[in-house]
N, C-alpha and C. Protein backbone atom coordinates (compact mmCIF):
# COMPACT_ATOMS: atom_id res chain seq x y z
N MET A 1 1.13 -1.44 -0.29
CA MET A 1 0.03 0.37 -0.57
C MET A 1 0.39 1.46 -0.08
N SER A 2 1.06 2.00 -0.89
CA SER A 2 1.45 3.35 -1.05
C SER A 2 1.30 4.21 0.45
N LYS A 3 0.82 5.76 -0.10
CA LYS A 3 1.07 6.57 0.57
C LYS A 3 -0.72 6.83 0.48
N TYR A 4 -0.81 6.61 -1.14
CA TYR A 4 -1.52 7.35 -1.50
C TYR A 4 -2.96 6.88 -1.42
N GLN A 5 -2.25 5.74 -1.16
CA GLN A 5 -4.09 3.99 -1.44
C GLN A 5 -3.80 4.13 0.30
N LEU A 6 -2.80 4.79 1.35
CA LEU A 6 -3.88 4.46 2.40
C LEU A 6 -4.55 6.18 2.39
N TYR A 7 -3.80 7.14 1.81
CA TYR A 7 -5.16 8.44 2.05
C TYR A 7 -7.01 7.37 1.25
N ASP A 8 -6.53 6.83 0.78
CA ASP A 8 -8.11 6.06 -0.11
C ASP A 8 -8.13 5.75 0.17
N PHE A 9 -8.03 4.84 1.66
CA PHE A 9 -8.33 4.34 2.21
C PHE A 9 -9.10 4.87 3.32
N ILE A 10 -8.57 5.95 3.80
CA ILE A 10 -8.93 5.99 4.95
C ILE A 10 -10.47 7.34 4.15
N GLU A 11 -10.12 7.82 3.05
CA GLU A 11 -11.65 8.61 2.29
C GLU A 11 -12.12 7.68 2.60
N PHE A 12 -12.09 6.61 1.79
CA PHE A 12 -13.26 5.76 2.22
C PHE A 12 -14.26 5.06 2.98
N LYS A 13 -13.39 5.12 4.30
CA LYS A 13 -13.80 4.83 5.01
C LYS A 13 -14.40 6.14 6.43
N MET A 14 -14.25 6.67 5.65
CA MET A 14 -14.23 8.01 6.20
C MET A 14 -16.27 8.95 5.56
N GLU A 15 -15.96 8.89 3.76
CA GLU A 15 -17.32 8.10 2.79
C GLU A 15 -17.93 7.17 3.83
N ASP A 16 -18.09 6.75 4.39
CA ASP A 16 -18.90 5.17 5.16
C ASP A 16 -19.62 5.23 6.22
N GLY A 17 -18.92 6.08 6.76
CA GLY A 17 -19.68 7.69 7.77
C GLY A 17 -19.14 6.43 9.05
N ILE A 18 -17.81 5.58 8.93
CA ILE A 18 -17.46 4.42 9.47
C ILE A 18 -15.66 4.84 10.12
N ILE A 19 -15.80 5.30 10.65
CA ILE A 19 -13.59 4.31 10.98
C ILE A 19 -13.85 3.14 11.80
N TYR A 20 -12.58 2.09 10.77
CA TYR A 20 -12.77 0.93 11.68
C TYR A 20 -11.67 1.35 11.65
N HIS A 21 -11.35 1.11 13.60
CA HIS A 21 -10.13 0.88 14.36
C HIS A 21 -10.53 -0.20 15.66
N GLY A 22 -9.69 -1.40 15.32
CA GLY A 22 -9.70 -2.30 16.19
C GLY A 22 -12.14 -2.98 16.85
N ASN A 23 -12.60 -2.74 15.80
CA ASN A 23 -13.75 -3.20 15.63
C ASN A 23 -14.47 -1.60 16.53
N ILE A 24 -13.60 -0.36 16.78
CA ILE A 24 -14.81 0.71 16.98
C ILE A 24 -15.20 2.00 16.18
N THR A 25 -16.44 2.30 16.87
CA THR A 25 -17.39 3.54 15.72
C THR A 25 -17.69 4.32 15.54
N HIS A 26 -16.42 5.01 15.87
CA HIS A 26 -16.32 6.90 15.77
C HIS A 26 -17.70 8.52 15.43
N ILE A 27 -18.52 8.08 15.60
CA ILE A 27 -19.79 8.85 14.57
C ILE A 27 -20.56 8.64 16.40
N LYS A 28 -20.91 10.49 16.72
CA LYS A 28 -21.96 10.91 17.36
C LYS A 28 -23.01 10.91 16.72
N GLU A 29 -24.46 10.41 17.10
CA GLU A 29 -26.05 11.34 16.92
C GLU A 29 -26.53 12.92 17.35
N LYS A 30 -26.45 13.85 16.88
CA LYS A 30 -26.84 14.77 17.88
C LYS A 30 -28.13 15.72 16.02
N ASN A 31 -29.53 15.97 17.79
CA ASN A 31 -31.06 16.34 16.63
C ASN A 31 -30.39 15.86 15.47
N GLY A 32 -30.97 14.20 15.74
CA GLY A 32 -31.20 13.77 13.91
C GLY A 32 -29.69 14.17 12.91
N LYS A 33 -28.58 14.16 13.38
CA LYS A 33 -27.67 13.87 12.49
C LYS A 33 -26.92 13.05 13.43
N PHE A 34 -25.71 13.06 12.42
CA PHE A 34 -24.46 12.08 12.62
C PHE A 34 -23.87 13.37 12.11
N PHE A 35 -22.81 13.37 13.35
CA PHE A 35 -21.11 13.41 13.93
C PHE A 35 -20.15 12.58 13.73
N TYR A 36 -18.72 12.67 12.56
CA TYR A 36 -17.80 12.20 13.81
C TYR A 36 -17.49 12.38 15.20
N ASP A 37 -17.01 12.08 16.32
CA ASP A 37 -16.06 12.46 16.96
C ASP A 37 -14.99 11.86 17.13
N VAL A 38 -14.18 13.63 16.47
CA VAL A 38 -13.48 14.35 15.72
C VAL A 38 -12.39 13.59 16.98
N LYS A 39 -12.31 13.49 18.07
CA LYS A 39 -10.82 13.23 18.94
C LYS A 39 -10.46 11.71 18.99
N SER A 40 -11.71 10.55 19.39
CA SER A 40 -10.99 9.19 18.40
C SER A 40 -11.41 8.94 16.64
N VAL A 41 -11.50 9.52 15.88
CA VAL A 41 -11.33 9.25 15.10
C VAL A 41 -9.81 9.50 14.80
N PHE A 42 -9.31 10.89 15.03
CA PHE A 42 -7.79 11.10 15.57
C PHE A 42 -7.33 10.43 15.66
N ASP A 43 -7.59 9.49 16.87
CA ASP A 43 -6.72 9.15 17.74
C ASP A 43 -6.87 7.21 16.46
N ASN A 44 -7.38 7.05 16.26
CA ASN A 44 -7.96 5.91 15.46
C ASN A 44 -7.10 5.99 13.77
N LEU A 45 -6.80 7.03 13.74
CA LEU A 45 -5.69 7.60 12.36
C LEU A 45 -4.43 7.48 13.32
N ASN A 46 -4.48 7.58 13.53
CA ASN A 46 -2.48 7.49 14.40
C ASN A 46 -2.37 6.00 14.65
N GLY A 47 -3.55 5.11 15.03
CA GLY A 47 -3.28 3.86 15.20
C GLY A 47 -3.15 3.53 14.09
N ILE A 48 -3.89 3.87 13.57
CA ILE A 48 -3.66 3.08 11.84
C ILE A 48 -2.20 3.34 11.10
N ILE A 49 -2.42 4.23 10.92
CA ILE A 49 -1.34 5.14 11.02
C ILE A 49 0.42 4.56 11.30
N GLU A 50 0.72 4.44 12.87
CA GLU A 50 1.60 3.42 13.58
C GLU A 50 1.68 2.45 12.59
N ASP A 51 0.42 1.65 12.65
CA ASP A 51 0.10 -0.07 11.69
C ASP A 51 0.99 0.17 10.49
N VAL A 52 0.96 0.86 9.96
CA VAL A 52 1.29 1.54 7.87
C VAL A 52 2.62 1.67 8.72
N TRP A 53 3.18 2.39 9.31
CA TRP A 53 4.26 3.34 9.94
C TRP A 53 5.33 1.33 9.48
N GLU A 54 4.78 0.83 10.69
CA GLU A 54 5.58 -0.80 10.87
C GLU A 54 5.93 -1.92 9.83
N GLU A 55 5.11 -1.03 8.75
CA GLU A 55 5.22 -3.11 8.19
C GLU A 55 5.89 -1.22 6.50
N ASN A 56 6.61 -0.66 7.10
CA ASN A 56 7.29 0.11 5.39
C ASN A 56 6.26 0.68 4.64
N ILE A 57 4.96 0.90 5.24
CA ILE A 57 4.00 1.96 4.18
C ILE A 57 4.65 3.04 4.48
N ILE A 58 4.69 3.49 4.93
CA ILE A 58 4.41 5.36 4.75
C ILE A 58 6.33 5.46 5.15
N ARG A 59 6.79 5.72 3.80
CA ARG A 59 8.09 5.77 3.94
C ARG A 59 8.73 6.99 6.04
N LYS A 60 10.39 6.74 6.00
CA LYS A 60 10.54 7.31 7.17
C LYS A 60 11.04 8.34 5.67
N TYR A 61 10.72 10.48 6.60
CA TYR A 61 11.40 11.79 6.19
C TYR A 61 12.41 12.07 7.23
N ILE A 62 13.62 11.80 6.92
CA ILE A 62 15.14 12.60 8.06
C ILE A 62 15.16 14.00 7.35
N GLU A 63 15.71 14.53 8.06
CA GLU A 63 16.44 16.09 7.84
C GLU A 63 17.72 16.21 8.22
N THR A 64 19.10 16.58 7.55
CA THR A 64 20.53 16.73 8.21
C THR A 64 20.84 17.82 7.93
N VAL A 65 21.79 17.76 8.47
CA VAL A 65 23.22 18.70 7.37
C VAL A 65 24.41 18.15 7.85
N LEU A 66 25.79 18.99 7.57
CA LEU A 66 27.65 18.20 7.05
C LEU A 66 27.27 20.19 6.93
N CYS A 67 28.67 20.01 8.26
CA CYS A 67 28.81 21.58 7.35
C CYS A 67 30.66 20.49 7.91
N TYR A 68 31.41 21.48 6.82
CA TYR A 68 32.22 21.26 6.89
C TYR A 68 33.81 21.84 6.69
N LEU A 69 34.53 22.18 7.90
CA LEU A 69 35.27 23.81 7.83
C LEU A 69 36.14 23.66 7.54
N GLU A 70 36.63 24.23 6.66
CA GLU A 70 37.54 25.09 6.34
C GLU A 70 38.84 25.32 6.57
N ARG A 71 40.41 25.42 6.58
CA ARG A 71 41.59 26.46 7.55
C ARG A 71 43.08 25.45 6.19
N ASP A 72 43.05 26.37 6.04
CA ASP A 72 44.70 26.03 4.83
C ASP A 72 44.03 24.88 4.21
N ASN A 73 44.02 25.53 3.65
CA ASN A 73 43.44 24.32 2.73
C ASN A 73 43.14 22.58 3.22
N LYS A 74 42.25 22.64 4.40
CA LYS A 74 42.10 21.09 5.06
C LYS A 74 40.62 21.60 4.96
N TYR A 75 39.95 20.25 5.27
CA TYR A 75 39.18 19.99 5.70
C TYR A 75 38.87 19.39 6.58
N LEU A 76 38.24 19.30 8.08
CA LEU A 76 38.18 19.30 9.74
C LEU A 76 37.48 18.21 9.24
N MET A 77 37.94 17.20 9.58
CA MET A 77 36.93 15.45 9.53
C MET A 77 36.65 14.81 10.58
N LEU A 78 36.17 14.38 10.91
CA LEU A 78 35.57 13.76 12.20
C LEU A 78 35.46 12.05 11.75
N LEU A 79 35.92 11.44 12.99
CA LEU A 79 37.09 9.24 12.36
C LEU A 79 35.42 9.17 13.48
N ARG A 80 34.49 8.76 12.78
CA ARG A 80 33.34 8.23 13.79
C ARG A 80 34.26 6.65 14.36
N ASN A 81 34.75 6.94 15.75
CA ASN A 81 34.59 5.43 16.46
C ASN A 81 34.77 5.29 17.73
N LYS A 82 33.70 5.93 18.12
CA LYS A 82 34.04 6.41 19.84
C LYS A 82 32.53 5.20 19.83
N ARG A 83 31.95 5.15 19.04
CA ARG A 83 29.82 4.99 19.84
C ARG A 83 29.39 2.98 18.60
N GLN A 84 29.86 2.32 19.27
CA GLN A 84 29.13 0.93 18.32
C GLN A 84 28.25 0.69 17.33
N ASN A 85 27.81 0.96 17.81
CA ASN A 85 25.95 0.66 17.22
C ASN A 85 25.75 1.71 15.96
N ASP A 86 26.91 3.33 15.79
CA ASP A 86 26.51 4.71 14.79
C ASP A 86 27.14 3.64 13.68
N ILE A 87 26.00 4.49 12.65
CA ILE A 87 26.12 3.51 11.11
C ILE A 87 27.14 3.98 10.98
N ASN A 88 27.77 4.78 11.45
CA ASN A 88 28.63 6.10 10.57
C ASN A 88 30.23 5.11 11.61
N LEU A 89 29.92 4.60 11.93
CA LEU A 89 31.38 3.52 12.26
C LEU A 89 32.86 3.40 11.78
N GLY A 90 34.50 4.16 12.11
CA GLY A 90 34.75 3.47 11.55
C GLY A 90 34.73 4.85 10.06
N LYS A 91 34.54 5.54 9.70
CA LYS A 91 33.69 6.61 8.18
C LYS A 91 34.04 7.47 8.94
N TRP A 92 35.00 8.31 7.66
CA TRP A 92 34.93 10.28 8.25
C TRP A 92 34.17 10.61 7.11
N ILE A 93 33.66 11.42 8.03
CA ILE A 93 32.08 12.31 7.23
C ILE A 93 32.90 13.57 8.36
N GLY A 94 31.70 15.07 7.44
CA GLY A 94 32.07 16.01 8.28
C GLY A 94 31.32 16.13 9.24
N VAL A 95 31.23 17.98 9.69
CA VAL A 95 30.44 17.62 10.78
C VAL A 95 28.99 18.15 10.85
N GLY A 96 27.80 17.27 12.43
CA GLY A 96 27.13 17.35 11.03
C GLY A 96 25.63 16.85 12.45
N GLY A 97 24.69 17.16 11.95
CA GLY A 97 23.57 15.48 12.27
C GLY A 97 22.63 16.08 11.91
N HIS A 98 20.98 15.77 13.45
CA HIS A 98 19.78 16.05 12.36
C HIS A 98 19.17 17.29 12.61
N VAL A 99 18.12 18.24 12.13
CA VAL A 99 17.65 19.44 12.19
C VAL A 99 15.93 18.90 13.66
N GLU A 100 15.89 19.53 14.60
CA GLU A 100 15.33 19.76 15.41
C GLU A 100 13.64 19.70 14.28
N TYR A 101 13.09 19.42 15.49
CA TYR A 101 11.54 19.62 15.75
C TYR A 101 11.65 21.08 15.35
N ASN A 102 11.11 22.49 14.19
CA ASN A 102 10.63 23.31 14.26
C ASN A 102 11.85 24.44 13.76
N GLU A 103 13.49 23.33 13.26
CA GLU A 103 14.25 23.88 13.74
C GLU A 103 14.56 24.56 11.76
N GLU A 104 15.55 25.72 12.29
CA GLU A 104 15.69 25.82 10.38
C GLU A 104 16.85 25.34 10.15
N ALA A 105 17.34 25.05 9.19
CA ALA A 105 18.32 23.85 8.53
C ALA A 105 20.43 24.44 9.08
N ASP A 106 19.82 26.28 8.57
CA ASP A 106 20.41 26.83 9.00
C ASP A 106 21.46 26.82 10.79
N ASP A 107 20.24 27.16 11.11
CA ASP A 107 20.08 26.90 12.36
C ASP A 107 21.34 25.54 13.43
N ALA A 108 20.64 24.72 12.07
CA ALA A 108 20.80 23.21 12.93
C ALA A 108 22.26 23.59 13.50
N MET A 109 23.22 23.67 11.93
CA MET A 109 24.46 23.46 11.21
C MET A 109 25.26 24.51 12.55
N VAL A 110 24.67 25.35 12.75
CA VAL A 110 25.26 25.78 13.30
C VAL A 110 25.40 25.49 14.73
N ARG A 111 24.40 24.88 15.16
CA ARG A 111 23.98 24.77 16.66
C ARG A 111 24.78 22.92 16.75
N GLU A 112 24.75 22.00 15.89
CA GLU A 112 26.16 20.58 15.61
C GLU A 112 27.55 21.01 15.78
N VAL A 113 27.65 22.17 14.79
CA VAL A 113 29.09 22.41 14.69
C VAL A 113 29.46 23.00 16.25
N LEU A 114 28.84 23.72 16.53
CA LEU A 114 29.46 24.02 18.21
C LEU A 114 28.82 23.48 19.21
N GLU A 115 28.05 22.07 19.11
CA GLU A 115 27.83 21.00 20.24
C GLU A 115 28.90 20.07 18.97
N GLU A 116 29.52 19.77 18.47
CA GLU A 116 30.39 18.48 18.33
C GLU A 116 31.75 19.17 17.86
N THR A 117 32.15 20.80 18.62
CA THR A 117 33.71 21.08 18.08
C THR A 117 34.09 22.33 18.61
N GLY A 118 32.91 22.67 19.34
CA GLY A 118 33.44 23.70 20.54
C GLY A 118 33.48 25.49 19.38
N VAL A 119 33.85 25.34 18.36
CA VAL A 119 33.78 26.19 17.30
C VAL A 119 32.46 26.79 17.29
N THR A 120 32.31 28.66 16.83
CA THR A 120 30.78 28.82 16.88
C THR A 120 31.38 29.94 14.98
N ILE A 121 29.37 29.00 14.02
CA ILE A 121 29.88 29.47 13.50
C ILE A 121 29.35 31.75 13.14
N LEU A 122 31.42 31.41 12.17
CA LEU A 122 30.29 33.06 12.25
C LEU A 122 29.78 33.87 10.88
N ASP A 123 31.07 32.99 10.10
CA ASP A 123 29.15 32.70 8.78
C ASP A 123 30.08 31.63 7.73
N TYR A 124 28.92 30.97 6.41
CA TYR A 124 29.68 30.08 6.28
C TYR A 124 28.60 30.45 4.30
N ASP A 125 28.80 29.31 3.80
CA ASP A 125 28.10 29.09 2.38
C ASP A 125 27.58 27.69 3.22
N LYS A 126 25.98 28.51 1.70
CA LYS A 126 25.56 26.40 1.68
C LYS A 126 25.84 26.29 -0.08
N ARG A 127 25.84 25.13 0.29
CA ARG A 127 26.78 24.51 -1.02
C ARG A 127 25.60 23.21 -1.66
N GLY A 128 24.41 23.03 -0.37
CA GLY A 128 24.38 21.77 -1.67
C GLY A 128 23.01 21.30 -1.15
N ILE A 129 22.26 20.04 -1.04
CA ILE A 129 21.70 19.24 -0.86
C ILE A 129 21.75 17.98 -1.21
N VAL A 130 22.59 16.99 -0.64
CA VAL A 130 22.08 15.69 -1.00
C VAL A 130 20.94 14.81 -0.19
N TYR A 131 20.39 13.92 -1.39
CA TYR A 131 19.20 13.07 -1.16
C TYR A 131 20.10 11.67 -1.16
N PHE A 132 19.27 10.98 0.48
CA PHE A 132 19.90 9.60 0.46
C PHE A 132 18.30 9.37 0.42
N ILE A 133 19.07 8.42 -0.30
CA ILE A 133 16.65 6.98 -1.21
C ILE A 133 17.54 6.21 -1.05
N ASP A 134 17.49 4.94 -0.12
CA ASP A 134 17.47 4.07 0.34
C ASP A 134 15.91 3.52 0.45
N ASN A 135 16.14 1.44 0.90
CA ASN A 135 14.98 1.62 1.37
C ASN A 135 12.77 1.89 0.87
N ASP A 136 14.27 1.84 2.38
CA ASP A 136 12.77 2.59 2.81
C ASP A 136 12.43 3.59 3.70
N TYR A 137 13.54 4.74 3.61
CA TYR A 137 13.59 5.58 4.09
C TYR A 137 14.06 6.98 3.37
N THR A 138 14.40 8.04 3.20
CA THR A 138 14.74 9.26 2.86
C THR A 138 15.07 10.27 3.44
N MET A 139 16.55 10.32 2.75
CA MET A 139 17.32 11.51 4.19
C MET A 139 17.61 13.24 3.29
N VAL A 140 17.32 14.10 3.59
CA VAL A 140 17.92 15.45 2.62
C VAL A 140 18.48 15.19 3.82
N MET A 141 19.72 15.79 3.44
CA MET A 141 20.85 16.57 3.53
C MET A 141 21.26 17.85 3.12
N HIS A 142 21.44 18.76 3.82
CA HIS A 142 21.99 20.28 3.55
C HIS A 142 23.67 19.87 3.80
N VAL A 143 24.41 21.00 3.30
CA VAL A 143 25.88 20.40 2.92
C VAL A 143 25.60 22.42 2.97
N TYR A 144 27.21 22.47 4.62
CA TYR A 144 28.34 23.53 4.00
C TYR A 144 29.22 23.96 4.37
N THR A 145 30.01 24.64 3.67
CA THR A 145 31.16 24.64 4.48
C THR A 145 31.49 26.76 5.33
N SER A 146 32.69 26.43 5.55
CA SER A 146 33.06 27.77 6.61
C SER A 146 34.07 27.58 7.23
N ASN A 147 34.70 29.43 6.72
CA ASN A 147 35.91 29.62 6.79
C ASN A 147 35.62 30.42 7.79
N SER A 148 34.87 30.91 8.37
CA SER A 148 35.01 32.05 9.51
C SER A 148 34.34 31.63 10.31
N PHE A 149 35.03 30.73 11.26
CA PHE A 149 34.27 30.18 12.94
C PHE A 149 35.70 31.26 14.03
N SER A 150 35.13 30.86 15.63
CA SER A 150 36.07 31.32 16.19
C SER A 150 35.79 30.02 17.54
N GLY A 151 36.76 30.48 17.85
CA GLY A 151 37.09 29.38 19.31
C GLY A 151 37.23 28.11 19.76
N PHE A 152 38.05 27.49 20.34
CA PHE A 152 39.19 26.38 19.77
C PHE A 152 38.34 25.48 19.93
N ILE A 153 38.79 23.75 19.12
CA ILE A 153 38.17 23.10 19.49
C ILE A 153 38.55 21.83 20.43
N HIS A 154 37.48 21.17 20.56
CA HIS A 154 37.58 20.88 21.32
C HIS A 154 36.95 19.16 21.21
N PRO A 155 37.13 18.05 22.71
CA PRO A 155 37.11 17.33 22.71
C PRO A 155 35.57 16.37 20.96
N CYS A 156 35.03 15.51 20.74
CA CYS A 156 33.96 15.03 19.66
C CYS A 156 33.65 13.85 21.23
N ASP A 157 32.29 13.77 21.13
CA ASP A 157 32.19 12.03 21.78
C ASP A 157 31.58 11.67 21.33
N GLU A 158 31.63 11.55 19.32
CA GLU A 158 30.96 10.92 18.47
C GLU A 158 32.71 10.28 17.32
N GLY A 159 33.57 10.80 18.35
CA GLY A 159 35.12 10.63 17.18
C GLY A 159 35.94 11.56 17.55
N THR A 160 36.81 11.15 16.33
CA THR A 160 37.61 12.25 16.77
C THR A 160 38.23 12.99 16.10
N LEU A 161 38.34 14.10 15.95
CA LEU A 161 38.86 15.51 15.07
C LEU A 161 39.91 15.35 14.70
N SER A 162 39.90 16.04 13.56
CA SER A 162 42.22 15.68 12.91
C SER A 162 41.02 16.89 11.55
N TRP A 163 42.35 17.98 10.65
CA TRP A 163 42.58 18.79 10.23
C TRP A 163 42.58 18.22 9.16
N ILE A 164 42.35 17.73 7.69
CA ILE A 164 43.04 16.96 7.11
C ILE A 164 42.71 17.64 5.28
N SER A 165 44.53 17.60 5.15
CA SER A 165 45.21 18.15 3.24
C SER A 165 43.77 17.45 2.31
N LYS A 166 43.84 18.61 2.48
CA LYS A 166 42.10 18.10 1.17
C LYS A 166 42.36 17.34 -0.53
N ASP A 167 43.94 17.45 -0.26
CA ASP A 167 44.34 16.72 -1.36
C ASP A 167 44.50 15.03 -0.67
N LYS A 168 44.77 15.22 0.14
CA LYS A 168 44.38 13.63 1.13
C LYS A 168 42.56 13.11 1.40
N ILE A 169 41.92 13.34 1.22
CA ILE A 169 40.63 13.13 1.45
C ILE A 169 40.76 11.94 1.28
N PHE A 170 40.38 11.80 0.13
CA PHE A 170 39.69 10.11 -0.90
C PHE A 170 40.88 9.46 0.10
N ASP A 171 41.66 9.94 0.39
CA ASP A 171 42.08 8.36 0.67
C ASP A 171 42.34 8.00 2.50
N LEU A 172 41.34 8.41 2.68
CA LEU A 172 40.28 7.79 3.34
C LEU A 172 39.21 7.31 3.64
N ASN A 173 39.02 6.57 5.27
CA ASN A 173 37.82 5.75 4.68
C ASN A 173 36.75 5.75 4.72
N LEU A 174 35.85 7.32 3.76
CA LEU A 174 34.97 7.46 3.20
C LEU A 174 33.84 6.71 2.41
N TRP A 175 32.79 6.99 2.97
CA TRP A 175 30.93 6.27 1.88
C TRP A 175 31.69 7.08 0.70
N GLU A 176 31.43 5.60 0.17
CA GLU A 176 30.99 5.49 -1.43
C GLU A 176 30.50 7.11 -1.36
N GLY A 177 28.89 7.13 -1.25
CA GLY A 177 27.77 8.37 -2.00
C GLY A 177 28.68 9.91 -0.98
N ASP A 178 29.55 9.82 -0.24
CA ASP A 178 29.80 11.45 0.41
C ASP A 178 31.42 11.43 -0.75
N LYS A 179 32.24 10.85 -1.85
CA LYS A 179 32.80 10.38 -2.77
C LYS A 179 32.14 11.53 -3.66
N VAL A 180 30.69 11.48 -4.36
CA VAL A 180 30.45 12.35 -4.57
C VAL A 180 29.44 13.78 -4.64
N PHE A 181 29.76 14.35 -3.81
CA PHE A 181 29.29 15.55 -3.69
C PHE A 181 30.64 16.18 -3.36
N LEU A 182 31.85 15.03 -2.33
CA LEU A 182 32.68 15.80 -2.05
C LEU A 182 33.85 16.96 -3.04
N LYS A 183 33.11 15.82 -3.86
CA LYS A 183 34.08 16.11 -5.06
C LYS A 183 33.79 17.34 -6.62
N GLU A 184 31.71 17.72 -5.53
CA GLU A 184 31.95 19.31 -5.90
C GLU A 184 32.12 20.36 -4.63
N LEU A 185 32.49 20.66 -4.19
CA LEU A 185 32.72 21.08 -3.12
C LEU A 185 34.84 21.11 -3.28
N MET A 186 35.01 19.93 -3.35
CA MET A 186 36.73 20.08 -4.12
C MET A 186 36.97 20.94 -5.40
N ASN A 187 35.84 21.06 -6.26
CA ASN A 187 35.13 21.44 -7.91
C ASN A 187 34.82 22.81 -7.82
N ASN A 188 34.85 23.24 -5.91
CA ASN A 188 34.10 24.51 -6.09
C ASN A 188 32.82 25.18 -6.59
N ASN A 189 31.44 23.98 -7.09
CA ASN A 189 30.81 24.34 -7.28
C ASN A 189 30.28 24.64 -6.53
N PRO A 190 29.85 26.36 -7.01
CA PRO A 190 28.57 26.63 -5.82
C PRO A 190 27.21 25.90 -5.02
N TYR A 191 26.87 25.61 -5.57
CA TYR A 191 25.81 25.04 -4.73
C TYR A 191 25.15 23.95 -6.14
N PHE A 192 25.49 22.74 -5.05
CA PHE A 192 24.40 21.26 -6.26
C PHE A 192 23.33 20.77 -5.68
N GLU A 193 22.68 19.91 -6.53
CA GLU A 193 21.83 18.82 -5.46
C GLU A 193 21.41 17.65 -6.23
N ILE A 194 21.70 16.28 -5.46
CA ILE A 194 22.68 15.46 -6.32
C ILE A 194 21.92 14.11 -5.53
N GLU A 195 21.26 13.06 -5.44
CA GLU A 195 20.43 11.54 -5.67
C GLU A 195 21.45 11.23 -5.15
N LEU A 196 21.16 10.02 -4.26
CA LEU A 196 22.30 9.18 -3.70
C LEU A 196 21.47 7.70 -3.62
N TYR A 197 21.76 7.09 -4.35
CA TYR A 197 20.64 5.76 -3.42
C TYR A 197 21.59 4.75 -3.74
N TYR A 198 20.52 3.99 -2.34
CA TYR A 198 21.48 2.86 -1.35
C TYR A 198 20.40 1.73 -1.77
N ASP A 199 21.11 0.63 -1.48
CA ASP A 199 19.10 -0.28 -1.23
C ASP A 199 20.90 -0.95 0.79
N ASN A 200 20.33 -0.92 1.55
CA ASN A 200 20.03 -1.51 2.73
C ASN A 200 21.97 -0.70 2.94
N ASN A 201 21.94 0.67 2.49
CA ASN A 201 23.52 1.41 3.61
C ASN A 201 24.20 0.83 2.30
N GLU A 202 24.36 0.36 1.49
CA GLU A 202 24.95 0.14 -0.12
C GLU A 202 24.96 1.13 -0.97
N TYR A 203 25.92 1.41 -0.88
CA TYR A 203 25.53 2.25 -2.24
C TYR A 203 25.39 1.45 -3.54
N LYS A 204 24.46 1.96 -4.66
CA LYS A 204 24.08 1.98 -5.55
C LYS A 204 24.22 2.66 -7.05
N GLY A 205 24.57 4.14 -6.71
CA GLY A 205 24.50 5.03 -7.85
C GLY A 205 23.86 6.45 -7.43
N SER A 206 23.86 7.70 -8.42
CA SER A 206 23.45 8.74 -7.88
C SER A 206 23.62 9.64 -9.35
N LYS A 207 22.38 11.03 -9.19
CA LYS A 207 22.81 11.79 -10.13
C LYS A 207 22.32 12.70 -10.09
N LYS A 208 22.87 13.69 -10.57
CA LYS A 208 23.15 15.09 -10.43
C LYS A 208 22.14 15.66 -10.68
N LEU A 209 21.57 15.91 -9.75
CA LEU A 209 19.54 17.20 -10.11
C LEU A 209 19.52 18.27 -10.87
N TRP A 210 20.97 19.20 -9.77
CA TRP A 210 21.36 20.31 -10.34
C TRP A 210 22.68 20.87 -9.82
N HIS A 211 23.22 21.54 -10.37
CA HIS A 211 24.85 22.92 -9.58
C HIS A 211 24.78 24.36 -10.67
N ILE A 212 25.56 24.75 -9.70
CA ILE A 212 26.06 25.51 -10.83
C ILE A 212 27.59 26.00 -11.25
């Protein structure tokens, strides 16, 4: 069942006058007219959505940010080596994390850099958007670079931070997909949008949607 089929299912049940979930009906009668018990309807819609989520009918959507700090022709890279259940364990990546609810991507990037490195971003460039498309989720990642920041780098609880010369970046243990957008950064393309395709976290290919 696709999300559109799910909506059709819900619409059908609404037109039928009854939403069934756990054999409960949610119709109220007043002055000879029938009304939906709105709270019960939405409580049960939530139940339906939880059920189909577990069956991977609704795709998971994740929004993240990633920033590469620049200094002396080097990028600040993070070797993720401190959490055994980390999907990035053993990989070198930039600094970043998840966008919180009601948070703008730019604000999330500044916050994540401060939390993971101890430095405060003063200015930055938004370089692109990368769409990671896997079997049961899509992750949208906003990519930034910054050479304007203040403060001193402190140890990170997610891994080891190191300044890596740009000409040595591709010698690191990187995700194959990361190499695609890192090349865009290295080529100094001002802005790009890329789709990366995965099958259970195994890289399958990419498509460049747009770049300047």
